Amino acid sequence: MMKSTALKLTIVGATIFAASGFIAARAYKGERRAVNPPGTAVGLPFSNGIMVGNTLYVAGQEGSIDGKLQPGGIGPETQAALENIQKIVKAAGFEMKDVVAVNVFLADIHDFGEMNTIYKTYFPDPKPARATIQAAALVNNARIEISAIAVKDR
C-alpha cells in the first residue's frame, strides 16, 4: 500500500513538474524583444537593449552622442553613456530606479573619482550593485563603457 501511494505521489509530482516547465517555457517564448531607441548606436551586430520577461539587459554604452565621443574627457563621456542608458531604460518602459546591476569599464582607473561624481546623480537610492574595472582598451578609444541590468515588478 505504501509503495502504491509513493508511486502515485511520484507520478503526480512529475506531472506537475513537467506541466510547470511547459507553462514557463510558453510564457518565456515570445517575450524577448530588442530595444533600440533613436540616438543610440545602430548598424552594429547587437541590440542596445534586450527585454526578456520583466528584465532588461542594456549593452555597454560609450560616452557618445550620434556616434561621436563627447569631448572633454571622462566627465562628459560618463554623462553621455548614462544618458544613453537612460534612453534605453525609458524606451523599454523602465525607470532608472529599476536598474539593479551595473558594470563600468574605465580606460584609466584614475578616472574613478570623477566618474563616480557624475554616476551617483543618475541612480536613486538604493544604488544598483556595481563592478568597476580598468579595461586594457575600449572600442573607439572611449574612456568609459557602461552596461546595466534592470528588473521591473509586474
Protein backbone atom coordinates (compact mmCIF):
# COMPACT_ATOMS: atom_id res chain seq x y z
CA MET A 1 0.00 0.00 0.00
CA MET A 2 2.82 2.43 0.86
CA LYS A 3 4.58 1.64 -2.41
CA SER A 4 1.38 2.35 -4.33
CA THR A 5 0.87 5.69 -2.58
CA ALA A 6 4.50 6.67 -3.09
CA LEU A 7 4.26 5.74 -6.78
CA LYS A 8 1.08 7.81 -7.19
CA LEU A 9 2.68 10.81 -5.47
CA THR A 10 5.77 10.48 -7.66
CA ILE A 11 3.64 10.39 -10.82
CA VAL A 12 1.56 13.39 -9.68
CA GLY A 13 4.73 15.30 -8.74
CA ALA A 14 6.40 14.50 -12.07
CA THR A 15 3.28 15.57 -13.96
CA ILE A 16 3.08 18.88 -12.09
CA PHE A 17 6.82 19.49 -12.59
CA ALA A 18 6.57 18.76 -16.33
CA ALA A 19 3.48 20.93 -16.72
CA SER A 20 5.06 23.85 -14.87
CA GLY A 21 8.14 23.62 -17.11
CA PHE A 22 5.92 23.60 -20.20
CA ILE A 23 3.93 26.60 -18.96
CA ALA A 24 7.11 28.51 -18.05
CA ALA A 25 8.63 27.75 -21.45
CA ARG A 26 5.48 29.00 -23.21
CA ALA A 27 5.40 32.15 -21.06
CA TYR A 28 9.08 32.85 -21.79
CA LYS A 29 8.75 32.24 -25.51
CA GLY A 30 7.91 35.35 -27.47
CA GLU A 31 8.69 37.80 -24.63
CA ARG A 32 12.14 38.64 -25.99
CA ARG A 33 12.40 41.94 -27.86
CA ALA A 34 15.08 44.43 -28.87
CA VAL A 35 15.11 47.99 -27.56
CA ASN A 36 16.94 50.43 -29.85
CA PRO A 37 15.73 54.00 -29.25
CA PRO A 38 16.67 56.81 -31.65
CA GLY A 39 20.06 58.34 -30.94
CA THR A 40 21.69 55.12 -29.77
CA ALA A 41 24.22 53.10 -31.75
CA VAL A 42 22.74 51.26 -34.73
CA GLY A 43 24.13 49.16 -37.54
CA LEU A 44 26.25 47.05 -35.22
CA PRO A 45 25.67 43.32 -34.64
CA PHE A 46 23.94 43.76 -31.27
CA SER A 47 20.87 45.35 -29.72
CA ASN A 48 21.24 48.26 -27.31
CA GLY A 49 18.76 46.56 -25.02
CA ILE A 50 17.03 43.19 -24.86
CA MET A 51 13.83 42.64 -22.89
CA VAL A 52 13.29 39.12 -21.58
CA GLY A 53 10.20 38.86 -19.44
CA ASN A 54 10.48 41.58 -16.81
CA THR A 55 14.26 42.01 -17.21
CA LEU A 56 16.10 44.48 -19.43
CA TYR A 57 19.72 43.86 -20.41
CA VAL A 58 21.45 47.04 -21.61
CA ALA A 59 24.53 46.58 -23.80
CA GLY A 60 27.67 48.52 -23.00
CA GLN A 61 27.20 52.18 -23.84
CA GLU A 62 30.07 54.51 -24.64
CA GLY A 63 30.05 58.21 -23.91
CA SER A 64 28.95 59.14 -27.39
CA ILE A 65 26.09 61.07 -28.93
CA ASP A 66 25.18 60.43 -32.57
CA GLY A 67 28.18 58.11 -32.85
CA LYS A 68 30.74 60.70 -31.70
CA LEU A 69 32.57 60.52 -28.39
CA GLN A 70 31.91 63.55 -26.25
CA PRO A 71 34.99 65.77 -25.99
CA GLY A 72 36.33 66.87 -22.63
CA GLY A 73 37.36 63.59 -21.03
CA ILE A 74 35.77 61.26 -18.54
CA GLY A 75 33.12 63.69 -17.23
CA PRO A 76 31.29 64.34 -20.50
CA GLU A 77 31.77 60.74 -21.63
CA THR A 78 30.29 59.39 -18.38
CA GLN A 79 27.31 61.71 -18.68
CA ALA A 80 26.70 60.71 -22.32
CA ALA A 81 27.00 56.98 -21.53
CA LEU A 82 24.48 57.30 -18.70
CA GLU A 83 22.15 59.39 -20.89
CA ASN A 84 22.27 56.60 -23.48
CA ILE A 85 21.43 54.03 -20.80
CA GLN A 86 18.58 56.22 -19.57
CA LYS A 87 17.13 56.45 -23.12
CA ILE A 88 17.17 52.67 -23.46
CA VAL A 89 15.70 52.14 -19.98
CA LYS A 90 12.86 54.60 -20.68
CA ALA A 91 12.20 53.21 -24.17
CA ALA A 92 11.66 49.80 -22.55
CA GLY A 93 9.14 51.27 -20.09
CA PHE A 94 11.51 51.16 -17.13
CA GLU A 95 12.95 53.83 -14.84
CA MET A 96 16.48 54.27 -13.54
CA LYS A 97 15.25 53.05 -10.13
CA ASP A 98 14.64 49.66 -11.82
CA VAL A 99 18.37 49.24 -12.61
CA VAL A 100 19.74 46.57 -10.26
CA ALA A 101 23.25 45.93 -11.61
CA VAL A 102 25.84 47.98 -13.50
CA ASN A 103 29.26 47.22 -14.96
CA VAL A 104 31.61 50.16 -15.54
CA PHE A 105 34.69 49.74 -17.73
CA LEU A 106 37.27 52.53 -17.49
CA ALA A 107 40.23 53.07 -19.78
CA ASP A 108 42.05 54.59 -16.79
CA ILE A 109 41.17 53.63 -13.21
CA HIS A 110 42.37 57.07 -12.11
CA ASP A 111 39.13 58.43 -13.64
CA PHE A 112 37.17 56.56 -10.95
CA GLY A 113 36.50 59.59 -8.72
CA GLU A 114 35.30 61.90 -11.49
CA MET A 115 33.16 59.12 -12.98
CA ASN A 116 31.61 58.46 -9.55
CA THR A 117 30.69 62.12 -9.08
CA ILE A 118 28.51 62.02 -12.21
CA TYR A 119 27.37 58.40 -11.85
CA LYS A 120 25.74 58.91 -8.44
CA THR A 121 23.42 61.61 -9.80
CA TYR A 122 21.71 59.17 -12.20
CA PHE A 123 20.56 56.49 -9.76
CA PRO A 124 18.23 56.90 -6.78
CA ASP A 125 18.88 55.07 -3.52
CA PRO A 126 19.39 52.24 -3.09
CA LYS A 127 22.04 52.40 -5.79
CA PRO A 128 22.42 49.35 -8.07
CA ALA A 129 25.08 46.73 -7.40
CA ARG A 130 28.16 47.66 -9.43
CA ALA A 131 31.50 46.42 -10.64
CA THR A 132 34.12 48.85 -11.94
CA ILE A 133 37.27 47.73 -13.70
CA GLN A 134 40.05 49.18 -15.80
CA ALA A 135 39.99 47.69 -19.30
CA ALA A 136 43.12 47.40 -21.42
CA ALA A 137 41.31 49.21 -24.24
CA LEU A 138 37.79 50.25 -25.18
CA VAL A 139 36.25 50.47 -28.65
CA ASN A 140 36.68 53.85 -30.39
CA ASN A 141 39.29 54.86 -27.78
CA ALA A 142 36.46 55.60 -25.37
CA ARG A 143 37.35 56.43 -21.78
CA ILE A 144 34.27 54.61 -20.41
CA GLU A 145 31.71 51.94 -21.27
CA ILE A 146 28.75 51.09 -19.04
CA SER A 147 26.31 48.16 -19.19
CA ALA A 148 23.27 47.60 -16.97
CA ILE A 149 20.51 45.20 -15.99
CA ALA A 150 17.06 46.42 -14.91
CA VAL A 151 14.20 44.42 -13.42
CA LYS A 152 10.63 45.63 -13.18
CA ASP A 153 7.97 44.30 -10.85
CA ARG A 154 4.97 43.20 -12.86
